[in-house]
Amino acid sequence: MTTLQVKLKLPDPLAAEAQAAGLLAPEKLERMLREALRTKRVEKLAATRDILAANPLPRDTRRDSSRNRRLSHRNSPYDWYSIPTQRSRASRGTARPAS
């Protein structure tokens, strides 16, 4: 946790009223800061949503989608081409006997 010392210059009536209402207590200041930050994040999200609505992203074509799937398999921790199949087991002599 960080400790900050804040010095405010307020008009006397405002300082007295805020003090009387308990708004200058550390807990109240923390809550007001959290609410202000939340409001800022919501405003930023709304602005980003408006930008995206004004400039929509192009739709993927079928060709793009299949290319993206191939590229995602390349970055996969699995080697999709070396997964054993029935044919490869049979060629290695490890095929399961037919029931």
Protein backbone atom coordinates (compact mmCIF):
# COMPACT_ATOMS: atom_id res chain seq x y z
CA MET A 1 0.00 0.00 0.00
CA THR A 2 1.24 3.49 -0.85
CA THR A 3 0.92 6.36 1.60
CA LEU A 4 0.35 9.78 0.05
CA GLN A 5 0.14 13.15 1.71
CA VAL A 6 -2.29 15.41 -0.13
CA LYS A 7 -2.52 19.14 0.44
CA LEU A 8 -5.69 20.86 -0.77
CA LYS A 9 -6.46 24.54 -1.00
CA LEU A 10 -10.23 24.88 -0.58
CA PRO A 11 -12.53 27.77 0.24
CA ASP A 12 -13.31 27.83 3.98
CA PRO A 13 -17.05 27.05 3.64
CA LEU A 14 -16.36 24.08 1.34
CA ALA A 15 -13.62 22.70 3.58
CA ALA A 16 -15.82 23.02 6.67
CA GLU A 17 -18.78 21.34 4.98
CA ALA A 18 -16.66 18.52 3.55
CA GLN A 19 -15.03 17.99 6.95
CA ALA A 20 -18.42 17.95 8.71
CA ALA A 21 -19.77 15.43 6.17
CA GLY A 22 -16.72 13.21 6.71
CA LEU A 23 -15.67 13.46 3.07
CA LEU A 24 -12.05 14.19 3.93
CA ALA A 25 -11.58 10.89 5.78
CA PRO A 26 -9.11 8.54 4.05
CA GLU A 27 -11.81 5.88 3.48
CA LYS A 28 -14.16 8.38 1.85
CA LEU A 29 -11.40 9.82 -0.34
CA GLU A 30 -10.44 6.30 -1.43
CA ARG A 31 -14.05 5.51 -2.37
CA MET A 32 -14.39 8.78 -4.32
CA LEU A 33 -11.15 8.07 -6.21
CA ARG A 34 -12.28 4.52 -7.07
CA GLU A 35 -15.63 5.81 -8.34
CA ALA A 36 -13.93 8.51 -10.42
CA LEU A 37 -11.54 5.95 -11.95
CA ARG A 38 -14.43 3.59 -12.73
CA THR A 39 -16.29 6.45 -14.43
CA LYS A 40 -13.19 7.28 -16.51
CA ARG A 41 -12.84 3.63 -17.61
CA VAL A 42 -16.50 3.50 -18.66
CA GLU A 43 -16.13 6.74 -20.62
CA LYS A 44 -13.02 5.40 -22.36
CA LEU A 45 -14.83 2.15 -23.22
CA ALA A 46 -17.79 4.11 -24.65
CA ALA A 47 -15.44 6.27 -26.74
CA THR A 48 -13.67 3.17 -28.07
CA ARG A 49 -17.04 1.55 -28.88
CA ASP A 50 -18.05 4.70 -30.82
CA ILE A 51 -14.79 4.64 -32.78
CA LEU A 52 -15.25 0.97 -33.67
CA ALA A 53 -18.87 1.58 -34.68
CA ALA A 54 -17.78 4.41 -36.99
CA ASN A 55 -14.94 2.30 -38.47
CA PRO A 56 -16.10 -1.33 -38.56
CA LEU A 57 -13.52 -4.03 -39.06
CA PRO A 58 -13.69 -5.85 -42.40
CA ARG A 59 -15.33 -9.28 -42.33
CA ASP A 60 -13.11 -12.29 -42.81
CA THR A 61 -13.56 -14.07 -46.07
CA ARG A 62 -13.68 -17.85 -46.16
CA ARG A 63 -10.12 -17.87 -47.47
CA ASP A 64 -8.90 -15.68 -44.61
CA SER A 65 -10.62 -17.90 -42.04
CA SER A 66 -8.98 -21.09 -43.30
CA ARG A 67 -5.61 -19.34 -43.48
CA ASN A 68 -5.99 -18.16 -39.88
CA ARG A 69 -6.84 -21.70 -38.77
CA ARG A 70 -3.70 -23.03 -40.46
CA LEU A 71 -1.57 -20.33 -38.86
CA SER A 72 -3.03 -20.98 -35.42
CA HIS A 73 -2.13 -24.67 -35.74
CA ARG A 74 1.46 -23.68 -36.51
CA ASN A 75 1.71 -21.91 -33.18
CA SER A 76 0.10 -24.79 -31.34
CA PRO A 77 2.17 -26.86 -28.89
CA TYR A 78 0.92 -29.97 -30.73
CA ASP A 79 2.26 -31.30 -33.98
CA TRP A 80 -1.04 -31.98 -35.73
CA TYR A 81 0.63 -33.98 -38.47
CA SER A 82 2.21 -36.53 -36.13
CA ILE A 83 -0.95 -37.52 -34.23
CA PRO A 84 -1.22 -41.31 -34.62
CA THR A 85 -4.04 -42.58 -36.77
CA GLN A 86 -5.31 -46.10 -37.38
CA ARG A 87 -3.32 -46.29 -40.61
CA SER A 88 -0.05 -45.25 -38.98
CA ARG A 89 -0.55 -47.79 -36.16
CA ALA A 90 -1.15 -50.53 -38.67
CA SER A 91 2.00 -49.62 -40.59
CA ARG A 92 4.04 -49.81 -37.35
CA GLY A 93 2.60 -53.20 -36.45
CA THR A 94 0.87 -51.81 -33.35
CA ALA A 95 -2.68 -51.98 -34.67
CA ARG A 96 -5.30 -53.23 -32.28
CA PRO A 97 -6.69 -56.65 -33.14
CA ALA A 98 -10.12 -56.65 -34.71
CA SER A 99 -12.91 -57.71 -32.35
